[in-house]
PDB file of all heavy atoms in Angstrom:
ATOM      1  N   ALA A   1      53.370 253.590 160.499  1.00  0.00           N
ATOM      2  CA  ALA A   1      52.899 252.399 159.793  1.00  0.00           C
ATOM      3  C   ALA A   1      52.129 251.473 160.723  1.00  0.00           C
ATOM      4  O   ALA A   1      51.188 250.795 160.313  1.00  0.00           O
ATOM      5  CB  ALA A   1      54.081 251.659 159.168  1.00  0.00           C
ATOM      6  N   ARG A   2      52.509 251.437 161.993  1.00  0.00           N
ATOM      7  CA  ARG A   2      51.784 250.620 162.967  1.00  0.00           C
ATOM      8  C   ARG A   2      50.429 251.247 163.288  1.00  0.00           C
ATOM      9  O   ARG A   2      49.419 250.561 163.419  1.00  0.00           O
ATOM     10  CB  ARG A   2      52.595 250.476 164.252  1.00  0.00           C
ATOM     11  CG  ARG A   2      53.894 249.705 164.109  1.00  0.00           C
ATOM     12  CD  ARG A   2      54.607 249.646 165.435  1.00  0.00           C
ATOM     13  NE  ARG A   2      55.969 249.162 165.303  1.00  0.00           N
ATOM     14  CZ  ARG A   2      56.873 249.216 166.273  1.00  0.00           C
ATOM     15  NH1 ARG A   2      56.529 249.734 167.437  1.00  0.00           N
ATOM     16  NH2 ARG A   2      58.096 248.762 166.089  1.00  0.00           N
ATOM     17  N   LEU A   3      50.412 252.550 163.458  1.00  0.00           N
ATOM     18  CA  LEU A   3      49.180 253.245 163.831  1.00  0.00           C
ATOM     19  C   LEU A   3      48.090 253.107 162.776  1.00  0.00           C
ATOM     20  O   LEU A   3      46.904 253.228 163.084  1.00  0.00           O
ATOM     21  CB  LEU A   3      49.472 254.735 164.046  1.00  0.00           C
ATOM     22  CG  LEU A   3      50.269 255.116 165.286  1.00  0.00           C
ATOM     23  CD1 LEU A   3      50.551 256.609 165.275  1.00  0.00           C
ATOM     24  CD2 LEU A   3      49.512 254.740 166.557  1.00  0.00           C
ATOM     25  N   TRP A   4      48.486 252.859 161.545  1.00  0.00           N
ATOM     26  CA  TRP A   4      47.538 252.832 160.436  1.00  0.00           C
ATOM     27  C   TRP A   4      46.383 251.872 160.674  1.00  0.00           C
ATOM     28  O   TRP A   4      45.220 252.204 160.423  1.00  0.00           O
ATOM     29  CB  TRP A   4      48.269 252.461 159.143  1.00  0.00           C
ATOM     30  CG  TRP A   4      47.353 252.262 157.975  1.00  0.00           C
ATOM     31  CD1 TRP A   4      46.807 253.214 157.165  1.00  0.00           C
ATOM     32  CD2 TRP A   4      46.840 251.000 157.497  1.00  0.00           C
ATOM     33  NE1 TRP A   4      45.999 252.638 156.214  1.00  0.00           N
ATOM     34  CE2 TRP A   4      45.998 251.282 156.393  1.00  0.00           C
ATOM     35  CE3 TRP A   4      47.026 249.677 157.901  1.00  0.00           C
ATOM     36  CZ2 TRP A   4      45.352 250.276 155.686  1.00  0.00           C
ATOM     37  CZ3 TRP A   4      46.371 248.677 157.203  1.00  0.00           C
ATOM     38  CH2 TRP A   4      45.537 248.974 156.108  1.00  0.00           C
ATOM     39  N   LYS A   5      46.663 250.670 161.173  1.00  0.00           N
ATOM     40  CA  LYS A   5      45.604 249.668 161.359  1.00  0.00           C
ATOM     41  C   LYS A   5      44.556 250.167 162.354  1.00  0.00           C
ATOM     42  O   LYS A   5      43.351 250.107 162.102  1.00  0.00           O
ATOM     43  CB  LYS A   5      46.192 248.339 161.849  1.00  0.00           C
ATOM     44  CG  LYS A   5      45.159 247.220 161.950  1.00  0.00           C
ATOM     45  CD  LYS A   5      45.814 245.903 162.336  1.00  0.00           C
ATOM     46  CE  LYS A   5      44.807 244.750 162.286  1.00  0.00           C
ATOM     47  NZ  LYS A   5      43.719 244.920 163.281  1.00  0.00           N
ATOM     48  N   GLY A   6      45.004 250.678 163.495  1.00  0.00           N
ATOM     49  CA  GLY A   6      44.073 251.198 164.486  1.00  0.00           C
ATOM     50  C   GLY A   6      43.318 252.402 163.965  1.00  0.00           C
ATOM     51  O   GLY A   6      42.110 252.554 164.208  1.00  0.00           O
ATOM     52  N   ALA A   7      44.018 253.269 163.242  1.00  0.00           N
ATOM     53  CA  ALA A   7      43.380 254.470 162.683  1.00  0.00           C
ATOM     54  C   ALA A   7      42.264 254.088 161.717  1.00  0.00           C
ATOM     55  O   ALA A   7      41.187 254.701 161.716  1.00  0.00           O
ATOM     56  CB  ALA A   7      44.420 255.325 161.970  1.00  0.00           C
ATOM     57  N   ARG A   8      42.517 253.059 160.917  1.00  0.00           N
ATOM     58  CA  ARG A   8      41.513 252.620 159.938  1.00  0.00           C
ATOM     59  C   ARG A   8      40.292 252.014 160.656  1.00  0.00           C
ATOM     60  O   ARG A   8      39.151 252.255 160.252  1.00  0.00           O
ATOM     61  CB  ARG A   8      42.139 251.606 158.981  1.00  0.00           C
ATOM     62  CG  ARG A   8      41.238 251.216 157.810  1.00  0.00           C
ATOM     63  CD  ARG A   8      42.027 250.440 156.774  1.00  0.00           C
ATOM     64  NE  ARG A   8      41.172 249.980 155.687  1.00  0.00           N
ATOM     65  CZ  ARG A   8      40.717 250.731 154.692  1.00  0.00           C
ATOM     66  NH1 ARG A   8      41.035 252.011 154.661  1.00  0.00           N
ATOM     67  NH2 ARG A   8      39.967 250.234 153.739  1.00  0.00           N
ATOM     68  N   GLU A   9      40.527 251.245 161.723  1.00  0.00           N
ATOM     69  CA  GLU A   9      39.411 250.651 162.459  1.00  0.00           C
ATOM     70  C   GLU A   9      38.567 251.736 163.124  1.00  0.00           C
ATOM     71  O   GLU A   9      37.331 251.663 163.111  1.00  0.00           O
ATOM     72  CB  GLU A   9      39.941 249.669 163.509  1.00  0.00           C
ATOM     73  CG  GLU A   9      40.491 248.379 162.918  1.00  0.00           C
ATOM     74  CD  GLU A   9      40.866 247.376 163.978  1.00  0.00           C
ATOM     75  OE1 GLU A   9      40.533 247.593 165.160  1.00  0.00           O
ATOM     76  OE2 GLU A   9      41.501 246.364 163.634  1.00  0.00           O
ATOM     77  N   ILE A  10      39.218 252.722 163.701  1.00  0.00           N
ATOM     78  CA  ILE A  10      38.484 253.827 164.324  1.00  0.00           C
ATOM     79  C   ILE A  10      37.598 254.516 163.286  1.00  0.00           C
ATOM     80  O   ILE A  10      36.442 254.843 163.540  1.00  0.00           O
ATOM     81  CB  ILE A  10      39.465 254.833 164.952  1.00  0.00           C
ATOM     82  CG1 ILE A  10      40.163 254.191 166.161  1.00  0.00           C
ATOM     83  CG2 ILE A  10      38.742 256.107 165.381  1.00  0.00           C
ATOM     84  CD1 ILE A  10      41.317 255.019 166.709  1.00  0.00           C
ATOM     85  N   HIS A  11      38.162 254.731 162.103  1.00  0.00           N
ATOM     86  CA  HIS A  11      37.425 255.393 161.017  1.00  0.00           C
ATOM     87  C   HIS A  11      36.238 254.544 160.550  1.00  0.00           C
ATOM     88  O   HIS A  11      35.111 255.043 160.448  1.00  0.00           O
ATOM     89  CB  HIS A  11      38.366 255.659 159.847  1.00  0.00           C
ATOM     90  CG  HIS A  11      37.681 256.107 158.597  1.00  0.00           C
ATOM     91  ND1 HIS A  11      37.078 257.346 158.482  1.00  0.00           N
ATOM     92  CD2 HIS A  11      37.485 255.477 157.394  1.00  0.00           C
ATOM     93  CE1 HIS A  11      36.546 257.469 157.277  1.00  0.00           C
ATOM     94  NE2 HIS A  11      36.773 256.355 156.601  1.00  0.00           N
ATOM     95  N   LEU A  12      36.492 253.263 160.288  1.00  0.00           N
ATOM     96  CA  LEU A  12      35.437 252.402 159.747  1.00  0.00           C
ATOM     97  C   LEU A  12      34.308 252.172 160.750  1.00  0.00           C
ATOM     98  O   LEU A  12      33.142 252.033 160.361  1.00  0.00           O
ATOM     99  CB  LEU A  12      36.040 251.062 159.320  1.00  0.00           C
ATOM    100  CG  LEU A  12      36.987 251.105 158.117  1.00  0.00           C
ATOM    101  CD1 LEU A  12      37.599 249.741 157.850  1.00  0.00           C
ATOM    102  CD2 LEU A  12      36.255 251.606 156.871  1.00  0.00           C
ATOM    103  N   GLU A  13      34.646 252.132 162.045  1.00  0.00           N
ATOM    104  CA  GLU A  13      33.626 251.905 163.066  1.00  0.00           C
ATOM    105  C   GLU A  13      32.984 253.198 163.555  1.00  0.00           C
ATOM    106  O   GLU A  13      32.019 253.165 164.319  1.00  0.00           O
ATOM    107  CB  GLU A  13      34.231 251.145 164.244  1.00  0.00           C
ATOM    108  CG  GLU A  13      34.686 249.741 163.883  1.00  0.00           C
ATOM    109  CD  GLU A  13      35.154 248.953 165.089  1.00  0.00           C
ATOM    110  OE1 GLU A  13      34.650 249.221 166.204  1.00  0.00           O
ATOM    111  OE2 GLU A  13      36.026 248.076 164.923  1.00  0.00           O
ATOM    112  N   GLY A  14      33.551 254.316 163.136  1.00  0.00           N
ATOM    113  CA  GLY A  14      32.994 255.596 163.546  1.00  0.00           C
ATOM    114  C   GLY A  14      33.116 255.854 165.043  1.00  0.00           C
ATOM    115  O   GLY A  14      32.234 256.478 165.647  1.00  0.00           O
ATOM    116  N   LEU A  15      34.204 255.402 165.646  1.00  0.00           N
ATOM    117  CA  LEU A  15      34.413 255.598 167.083  1.00  0.00           C
ATOM    118  C   LEU A  15      34.767 257.056 167.364  1.00  0.00           C
ATOM    119  O   LEU A  15      35.801 257.544 166.919  1.00  0.00           O
ATOM    120  CB  LEU A  15      35.529 254.678 167.587  1.00  0.00           C
ATOM    121  CG  LEU A  15      35.258 253.171 167.517  1.00  0.00           C
ATOM    122  CD1 LEU A  15      36.506 252.385 167.861  1.00  0.00           C
ATOM    123  CD2 LEU A  15      34.110 252.789 168.440  1.00  0.00           C
ATOM    124  N   LYS A  16      33.919 257.729 168.100  1.00  0.00           N
ATOM    125  CA  LYS A  16      34.132 259.144 168.401  1.00  0.00           C
ATOM    126  C   LYS A  16      34.947 259.363 169.667  1.00  0.00           C
ATOM    127  O   LYS A  16      35.336 260.501 169.967  1.00  0.00           O
ATOM    128  CB  LYS A  16      32.782 259.858 168.542  1.00  0.00           C
ATOM    129  CG  LYS A  16      31.899 259.757 167.303  1.00  0.00           C
ATOM    130  CD  LYS A  16      32.588 260.363 166.086  1.00  0.00           C
ATOM    131  CE  LYS A  16      31.665 260.322 164.864  1.00  0.00           C
ATOM    132  NZ  LYS A  16      32.348 260.845 163.634  1.00  0.00           N
ATOM    133  N   ASN A  17      35.198 258.290 170.414  1.00  0.00           N
ATOM    134  CA  ASN A  17      35.922 258.416 171.676  1.00  0.00           C
ATOM    135  C   ASN A  17      37.327 257.832 171.609  1.00  0.00           C
ATOM    136  O   ASN A  17      37.926 257.480 172.629  1.00  0.00           O
ATOM    137  CB  ASN A  17      35.139 257.732 172.804  1.00  0.00           C
ATOM    138  CG  ASN A  17      34.992 256.229 172.582  1.00  0.00           C
ATOM    139  OD1 ASN A  17      34.922 255.760 171.443  1.00  0.00           O
ATOM    140  ND2 ASN A  17      34.937 255.474 173.675  1.00  0.00           N
ATOM    141  N   ALA A  18      37.867 257.724 170.390  1.00  0.00           N
ATOM    142  CA  ALA A  18      39.211 257.179 170.214  1.00  0.00           C
ATOM    143  C   ALA A  18      40.018 258.064 169.275  1.00  0.00           C
ATOM    144  O   ALA A  18      39.497 258.577 168.282  1.00  0.00           O
ATOM    145  CB  ALA A  18      39.149 255.753 169.668  1.00  0.00           C
ATOM    146  N   ALA A  19      41.293 258.218 169.605  1.00  0.00           N
ATOM    147  CA  ALA A  19      42.210 259.008 168.784  1.00  0.00           C
ATOM    148  C   ALA A  19      43.598 258.393 168.874  1.00  0.00           C
ATOM    149  O   ALA A  19      43.885 257.591 169.770  1.00  0.00           O
ATOM    150  CB  ALA A  19      42.233 260.463 169.249  1.00  0.00           C
ATOM    151  N   LEU A  20      44.458 258.774 167.951  1.00  0.00           N
ATOM    152  CA  LEU A  20      45.836 258.296 167.938  1.00  0.00           C
ATOM    153  C   LEU A  20      46.764 259.494 167.822  1.00  0.00           C
ATOM    154  O   LEU A  20      46.519 260.407 167.035  1.00  0.00           O
ATOM    155  CB  LEU A  20      46.063 257.334 166.777  1.00  0.00           C
ATOM    156  CG  LEU A  20      45.223 256.043 166.812  1.00  0.00           C
ATOM    157  CD1 LEU A  20      45.378 255.269 165.509  1.00  0.00           C
ATOM    158  CD2 LEU A  20      45.621 255.166 167.996  1.00  0.00           C
ATOM    159  N   LEU A  21      47.828 259.470 168.607  1.00  0.00           N
ATOM    160  CA  LEU A  21      48.814 260.548 168.619  1.00  0.00           C
ATOM    161  C   LEU A  21      50.170 259.980 168.264  1.00  0.00           C
ATOM    162  O   LEU A  21      50.678 259.073 168.947  1.00  0.00           O
ATOM    163  CB  LEU A  21      48.846 261.203 169.999  1.00  0.00           C
ATOM    164  CG  LEU A  21      49.960 262.224 170.262  1.00  0.00           C
ATOM    165  CD1 LEU A  21      49.841 263.421 169.322  1.00  0.00           C
ATOM    166  CD2 LEU A  21      49.907 262.682 171.732  1.00  0.00           C
ATOM    167  N   ARG A  22      50.759 260.511 167.201  1.00  0.00           N
ATOM    168  CA  ARG A  22      52.076 260.045 166.783  1.00  0.00           C
ATOM    169  C   ARG A  22      53.147 260.981 167.340  1.00  0.00           C
ATOM    170  O   ARG A  22      53.315 262.114 166.877  1.00  0.00           O
ATOM    171  CB  ARG A  22      52.170 259.989 165.258  1.00  0.00           C
ATOM    172  CG  ARG A  22      53.473 259.378 164.755  1.00  0.00           C
ATOM    173  CD  ARG A  22      53.548 259.406 163.248  1.00  0.00           C
ATOM    174  NE  ARG A  22      54.815 258.885 162.784  1.00  0.00           N
ATOM    175  CZ  ARG A  22      55.266 259.010 161.543  1.00  0.00           C
ATOM    176  NH1 ARG A  22      54.523 259.638 160.623  1.00  0.00           N
ATOM    177  NH2 ARG A  22      56.439 258.515 161.206  1.00  0.00           N
ATOM    178  N   THR A  23      53.849 260.491 168.364  1.00  0.00           N
ATOM    179  CA  THR A  23      54.909 261.278 168.979  1.00  0.00           C
ATOM    180  C   THR A  23      55.743 260.389 169.879  1.00  0.00           C
ATOM    181  O   THR A  23      55.414 259.226 170.110  1.00  0.00           O
ATOM    182  CB  THR A  23      54.335 262.458 169.797  1.00  0.00           C
ATOM    183  OG1 THR A  23      55.408 263.348 170.154  1.00  0.00           O
ATOM    184  CG2 THR A  23      53.658 261.971 171.067  1.00  0.00           C
ATOM    185  N   ASN A  24      56.840 260.928 170.402  1.00  0.00           N
ATOM    186  CA  ASN A  24      57.653 260.227 171.379  1.00  0.00           C
ATOM    187  C   ASN A  24      57.023 260.362 172.760  1.00  0.00           C
ATOM    188  O   ASN A  24      56.515 261.437 173.118  1.00  0.00           O
ATOM    189  CB  ASN A  24      59.069 260.803 171.420  1.00  0.00           C
ATOM    190  CG  ASN A  24      59.884 260.433 170.200  1.00  0.00           C
ATOM    191  OD1 ASN A  24      60.001 259.261 169.855  1.00  0.00           O
ATOM    192  ND2 ASN A  24      60.443 261.429 169.538  1.00  0.00           N
ATOM    193  N   ILE A  25      57.090 259.311 173.545  1.00  0.00           N
ATOM    194  CA  ILE A  25      56.487 259.332 174.875  1.00  0.00           C
ATOM    195  C   ILE A  25      57.146 260.372 175.772  1.00  0.00           C
ATOM    196  O   ILE A  25      56.495 260.987 176.618  1.00  0.00           O
ATOM    197  CB  ILE A  25      56.547 257.926 175.500  1.00  0.00           C
ATOM    198  CG1 ILE A  25      55.635 256.983 174.703  1.00  0.00           C
ATOM    199  CG2 ILE A  25      56.127 257.937 176.968  1.00  0.00           C
ATOM    200  CD1 ILE A  25      55.720 255.527 175.094  1.00  0.00           C
ATOM    201  N   GLU A  26      58.443 260.628 175.569  1.00  0.00           N
ATOM    202  CA  GLU A  26      59.140 261.641 176.365  1.00  0.00           C
ATOM    203  C   GLU A  26      58.532 263.033 176.208  1.00  0.00           C
ATOM    204  O   GLU A  26      58.685 263.887 177.076  1.00  0.00           O
ATOM    205  CB  GLU A  26      60.622 261.705 175.968  1.00  0.00           C
ATOM    206  CG  GLU A  26      61.418 260.459 176.318  1.00  0.00           C
ATOM    207  CD  GLU A  26      61.447 259.470 175.162  1.00  0.00           C
ATOM    208  OE1 GLU A  26      60.524 259.517 174.297  1.00  0.00           O
ATOM    209  OE2 GLU A  26      62.384 258.650 175.125  1.00  0.00           O
ATOM    210  N   LEU A  27      57.820 263.254 175.105  1.00  0.00           N
ATOM    211  CA  LEU A  27      57.276 264.583 174.827  1.00  0.00           C
ATOM    212  C   LEU A  27      55.853 264.772 175.346  1.00  0.00           C
ATOM    213  O   LEU A  27      55.271 265.845 175.156  1.00  0.00           O
ATOM    214  CB  LEU A  27      57.290 264.839 173.316  1.00  0.00           C
ATOM    215  CG  LEU A  27      58.652 264.765 172.620  1.00  0.00           C
ATOM    216  CD1 LEU A  27      58.499 265.048 171.130  1.00  0.00           C
ATOM    217  CD2 LEU A  27      59.638 265.743 173.249  1.00  0.00           C
ATOM    218  N   LEU A  28      55.285 263.792 176.000  1.00  0.00           N
ATOM    219  CA  LEU A  28      53.882 263.876 176.410  1.00  0.00           C
ATOM    220  C   LEU A  28      53.558 265.074 177.299  1.00  0.00           C
ATOM    221  O   LEU A  28      52.450 265.615 177.202  1.00  0.00           O
ATOM    222  CB  LEU A  28      53.456 262.574 177.098  1.00  0.00           C
ATOM    223  CG  LEU A  28      53.394 261.341 176.189  1.00  0.00           C
ATOM    224  CD1 LEU A  28      52.838 260.147 176.948  1.00  0.00           C
ATOM    225  CD2 LEU A  28      52.548 261.617 174.955  1.00  0.00           C
ATOM    226  N   PRO A  29      54.462 265.537 178.174  1.00  0.00           N
ATOM    227  CA  PRO A  29      54.133 266.735 178.961  1.00  0.00           C
ATOM    228  C   PRO A  29      53.887 267.984 178.102  1.00  0.00           C
ATOM    229  O   PRO A  29      53.297 268.953 178.587  1.00  0.00           O
ATOM    230  CB  PRO A  29      55.372 266.913 179.854  1.00  0.00           C
ATOM    231  CG  PRO A  29      55.896 265.534 180.041  1.00  0.00           C
ATOM    232  CD  PRO A  29      55.696 264.899 178.684  1.00  0.00           C
ATOM    233  N   LEU A  30      54.317 267.958 176.833  1.00  0.00           N
ATOM    234  CA  LEU A  30      54.029 269.072 175.932  1.00  0.00           C
ATOM    235  C   LEU A  30      52.613 268.984 175.359  1.00  0.00           C
ATOM    236  O   LEU A  30      52.088 269.972 174.840  1.00  0.00           O
ATOM    237  CB  LEU A  30      55.035 269.090 174.780  1.00  0.00           C
ATOM    238  CG  LEU A  30      56.517 269.239 175.141  1.00  0.00           C
ATOM    239  CD1 LEU A  30      57.374 269.170 173.883  1.00  0.00           C
ATOM    240  CD2 LEU A  30      56.760 270.543 175.876  1.00  0.00           C
ATOM    241  N   PHE A  31      52.005 267.796 175.490  1.00  0.00           N
ATOM    242  CA  PHE A  31      50.679 267.560 174.904  1.00  0.00           C
ATOM    243  C   PHE A  31      49.553 267.548 175.929  1.00  0.00           C
ATOM    244  O   PHE A  31      48.406 267.828 175.578  1.00  0.00           O
ATOM    245  CB  PHE A  31      50.670 266.218 174.163  1.00  0.00           C
ATOM    246  CG  PHE A  31      51.439 266.224 172.875  1.00  0.00           C
ATOM    247  CD1 PHE A  31      52.789 265.907 172.851  1.00  0.00           C
ATOM    248  CD2 PHE A  31      50.817 266.545 171.672  1.00  0.00           C
ATOM    249  CE1 PHE A  31      53.509 265.909 171.661  1.00  0.00           C
ATOM    250  CE2 PHE A  31      51.519 266.550 170.478  1.00  0.00           C
ATOM    251  CZ  PHE A  31      52.877 266.233 170.474  1.00  0.00           C
ATOM    252  N   PHE A  32      49.875 267.186 177.180  1.00  0.00           N
ATOM    253  CA  PHE A  32      48.826 267.013 178.179  1.00  0.00           C
ATOM    254  C   PHE A  32      49.107 267.860 179.415  1.00  0.00           C
ATOM    255  O   PHE A  32      50.239 267.923 179.895  1.00  0.00           O
ATOM    256  CB  PHE A  32      48.685 265.536 178.562  1.00  0.00           C
ATOM    257  CG  PHE A  32      48.366 264.651 177.389  1.00  0.00           C
ATOM    258  CD1 PHE A  32      49.341 263.836 176.832  1.00  0.00           C
ATOM    259  CD2 PHE A  32      47.099 264.655 176.834  1.00  0.00           C
ATOM    260  CE1 PHE A  32      49.063 263.036 175.740  1.00  0.00           C
ATOM    261  CE2 PHE A  32      46.802 263.854 175.736  1.00  0.00           C
ATOM    262  CZ  PHE A  32      47.783 263.044 175.184  1.00  0.00           C
ATOM    263  N   GLY A  33      48.039 268.462 179.942  1.00  0.00           N
ATOM    264  CA  GLY A  33      48.176 269.346 181.079  1.00  0.00           C
ATOM    265  C   GLY A  33      47.983 268.642 182.410  1.00  0.00           C
ATOM    266  O   GLY A  33      47.586 267.476 182.487  1.00  0.00           O
ATOM    267  N   GLU A  34      48.242 269.357 183.473  1.00  0.00           N
ATOM    268  CA  GLU A  34      48.125 268.829 184.828  1.00  0.00           C
ATOM    269  C   GLU A  34      46.712 268.299 185.081  1.00  0.00           C
ATOM    270  O   GLU A  34      45.721 268.957 184.765  1.00  0.00           O
ATOM    271  CB  GLU A  34      48.470 269.934 185.832  1.00  0.00           C
ATOM    272  CG  GLU A  34      48.508 269.467 187.270  1.00  0.00           C
ATOM    273  CD  GLU A  34      48.924 270.583 188.212  1.00  0.00           C
ATOM    274  OE1 GLU A  34      49.193 271.706 187.724  1.00  0.00           O
ATOM    275  OE2 GLU A  34      48.973 270.330 189.429  1.00  0.00           O
ATOM    276  N   ASN A  35      46.631 267.087 185.654  1.00  0.00           N
ATOM    277  CA  ASN A  35      45.355 266.449 186.006  1.00  0.00           C
ATOM    278  C   ASN A  35      44.439 266.199 184.806  1.00  0.00           C
ATOM    279  O   ASN A  35      43.227 266.063 184.962  1.00  0.00           O
ATOM    280  CB  ASN A  35      44.600 267.290 187.041  1.00  0.00           C
ATOM    281  CG  ASN A  35      45.334 267.384 188.359  1.00  0.00           C
ATOM    282  OD1 ASN A  35      45.851 266.392 188.856  1.00  0.00           O
ATOM    283  ND2 ASN A  35      45.393 268.583 188.915  1.00  0.00           N
ATOM    284  N   GLU A  36      45.005 266.084 183.616  1.00  0.00           N
ATOM    285  CA  GLU A  36      44.174 265.898 182.422  1.00  0.00           C
ATOM    286  C   GLU A  36      43.880 264.432 182.117  1.00  0.00           C
ATOM    287  O   GLU A  36      42.869 264.119 181.480  1.00  0.00           O
ATOM    288  CB  GLU A  36      44.841 266.542 181.206  1.00  0.00           C
ATOM    289  CG  GLU A  36      43.950 266.573 179.977  1.00  0.00           C
ATOM    290  CD  GLU A  36      44.453 267.508 178.891  1.00  0.00           C
ATOM    291  OE1 GLU A  36      45.665 267.813 178.870  1.00  0.00           O
ATOM    292  OE2 GLU A  36      43.623 267.951 178.082  1.00  0.00           O
ATOM    293  N   ILE A  37      44.741 263.527 182.577  1.00  0.00           N
ATOM    294  CA  ILE A  37      44.627 262.113 182.235  1.00  0.00           C
ATOM    295  C   ILE A  37      44.216 261.287 183.454  1.00  0.00           C
ATOM    296  O   ILE A  37      44.737 261.471 184.546  1.00  0.00           O
ATOM    297  CB  ILE A  37      45.964 261.589 181.675  1.00  0.00           C
ATOM    298  CG1 ILE A  37      46.386 262.418 180.453  1.00  0.00           C
ATOM    299  CG2 ILE A  37      45.864 260.110 181.311  1.00  0.00           C
ATOM    300  CD1 ILE A  37      45.367 262.459 179.332  1.00  0.00           C
ATOM    301  N   SER A  38      43.275 260.371 183.246  1.00  0.00           N
ATOM    302  CA  SER A  38      42.748 259.552 184.345  1.00  0.00           C
ATOM    303  C   SER A  38      43.459 258.206 184.495  1.00  0.00           C
ATOM    304  O   SER A  38      43.606 257.696 185.607  1.00  0.00           O
ATOM    305  CB  SER A  38      41.251 259.306 184.138  1.00  0.00           C
ATOM    306  OG  SER A  38      40.529 260.517 184.209  1.00  0.00           O
ATOM    307  N   GLU A  39      43.863 257.616 183.370  1.00  0.00           N
ATOM    308  CA  GLU A  39      44.515 256.307 183.412  1.00  0.00           C
ATOM    309  C   GLU A  39      45.555 256.209 182.307  1.00  0.00           C
ATOM    310  O   GLU A  39      45.450 256.869 181.266  1.00  0.00           O
ATOM    311  CB  GLU A  39      43.505 255.169 183.227  1.00  0.00           C
ATOM    312  CG  GLU A  39      42.455 255.037 184.305  1.00  0.00           C
ATOM    313  CD  GLU A  39      41.515 253.869 184.026  1.00  0.00           C
ATOM    314  OE1 GLU A  39      42.014 252.767 183.701  1.00  0.00           O
ATOM    315  OE2 GLU A  39      40.291 254.058 184.112  1.00  0.00           O
ATOM    316  N   ILE A  40      46.537 255.332 182.534  1.00  0.00           N
ATOM    317  CA  ILE A  40      47.563 255.036 181.530  1.00  0.00           C
ATOM    318  C   ILE A  40      47.701 253.522 181.406  1.00  0.00           C
ATOM    319  O   ILE A  40      47.815 252.812 182.410  1.00  0.00           O
ATOM    320  CB  ILE A  40      48.924 255.644 181.928  1.00  0.00           C
ATOM    321  CG1 ILE A  40      48.850 257.169 181.903  1.00  0.00           C
ATOM    322  CG2 ILE A  40      50.028 255.142 181.008  1.00  0.00           C
ATOM    323  CD1 ILE A  40      50.095 257.852 182.442  1.00  0.00           C
ATOM    324  N   TRP A  41      47.673 253.042 180.169  1.00  0.00           N
ATOM    325  CA  TRP A  41      47.948 251.629 179.879  1.00  0.00           C
ATOM    326  C   TRP A  41      49.302 251.528 179.204  1.00  0.00           C
ATOM    327  O   TRP A  41      49.582 252.242 178.233  1.00  0.00           O
ATOM    328  CB  TRP A  41      46.883 251.040 178.957  1.00  0.00           C
ATOM    329  CG  TRP A  41      45.597 250.707 179.639  1.00  0.00           C
ATOM    330  CD1 TRP A  41      44.548 251.544 179.895  1.00  0.00           C
ATOM    331  CD2 TRP A  41      45.216 249.430 180.155  1.00  0.00           C
ATOM    332  NE1 TRP A  41      43.540 250.878 180.538  1.00  0.00           N
ATOM    333  CE2 TRP A  41      43.923 249.582 180.715  1.00  0.00           C
ATOM    334  CE3 TRP A  41      45.843 248.182 180.204  1.00  0.00           C
ATOM    335  CZ2 TRP A  41      43.250 248.515 181.309  1.00  0.00           C
ATOM    336  CZ3 TRP A  41      45.160 247.122 180.792  1.00  0.00           C
ATOM    337  CH2 TRP A  41      43.883 247.297 181.343  1.00  0.00           C
ATOM    338  N   ILE A  42      50.140 250.621 179.704  1.00  0.00           N
ATOM    339  CA  ILE A  42      51.440 250.326 179.095  1.00  0.00           C
ATOM    340  C   ILE A  42      51.385 248.856 178.700  1.00  0.00           C
ATOM    341  O   ILE A  42      51.411 247.971 179.559  1.00  0.00           O
ATOM    342  CB  ILE A  42      52.595 250.595 180.058  1.00  0.00           C
ATOM    343  CG1 ILE A  42      52.525 252.025 180.594  1.00  0.00           C
ATOM    344  CG2 ILE A  42      53.938 250.353 179.375  1.00  0.00           C
ATOM    345  CD1 ILE A  42      53.519 252.325 181.703  1.00  0.00           C
ATOM    346  N   THR A  43      51.270 248.595 177.420  1.00  0.00           N
ATOM    347  CA  THR A  43      51.016 247.239 176.942  1.00  0.00           C
ATOM    348  C   THR A  43      52.206 246.677 176.170  1.00  0.00           C
ATOM    349  O   THR A  43      52.516 247.126 175.076  1.00  0.00           O
ATOM    350  CB  THR A  43      49.757 247.216 176.047  1.00  0.00           C
ATOM    351  OG1 THR A  43      49.871 248.226 175.034  1.00  0.00           O
ATOM    352  CG2 THR A  43      48.508 247.516 176.874  1.00  0.00           C
ATOM    353  N   PHE A  44      52.871 245.725 176.773  1.00  0.00           N
ATOM    354  CA  PHE A  44      53.959 244.970 176.152  1.00  0.00           C
ATOM    355  C   PHE A  44      55.084 245.853 175.600  1.00  0.00           C
ATOM    356  O   PHE A  44      55.446 245.751 174.420  1.00  0.00           O
ATOM    357  CB  PHE A  44      53.413 244.031 175.084  1.00  0.00           C
ATOM    358  CG  PHE A  44      52.443 243.052 175.656  1.00  0.00           C
ATOM    359  CD1 PHE A  44      51.085 243.344 175.681  1.00  0.00           C
ATOM    360  CD2 PHE A  44      52.876 241.872 176.229  1.00  0.00           C
ATOM    361  CE1 PHE A  44      50.173 242.478 176.262  1.00  0.00           C
ATOM    362  CE2 PHE A  44      51.969 240.993 176.809  1.00  0.00           C
ATOM    363  CZ  PHE A  44      50.622 241.287 176.827  1.00  0.00           C
ATOM    364  N   PRO A  45      55.650 246.714 176.444  1.00  0.00           N
ATOM    365  CA  PRO A  45      56.768 247.540 175.985  1.00  0.00           C
ATOM    366  C   PRO A  45      58.060 246.738 175.947  1.00  0.00           C
ATOM    367  O   PRO A  45      58.158 245.665 176.563  1.00  0.00           O
ATOM    368  CB  PRO A  45      56.850 248.617 177.069  1.00  0.00           C
ATOM    369  CG  PRO A  45      56.437 247.890 178.313  1.00  0.00           C
ATOM    370  CD  PRO A  45      55.324 246.948 177.863  1.00  0.00           C
TER     371      PRO A  45
END
């Protein structure tokens, strides 16, 4: 339900360089490979 607002903005603006992934943060090693990510933002956890 939270992701919906961002997803709608990405769609309406046609942003091709943005995506949203719905999952638990503990599971991220199942989604991303070694040396695949350049930066991480942690905002108001």
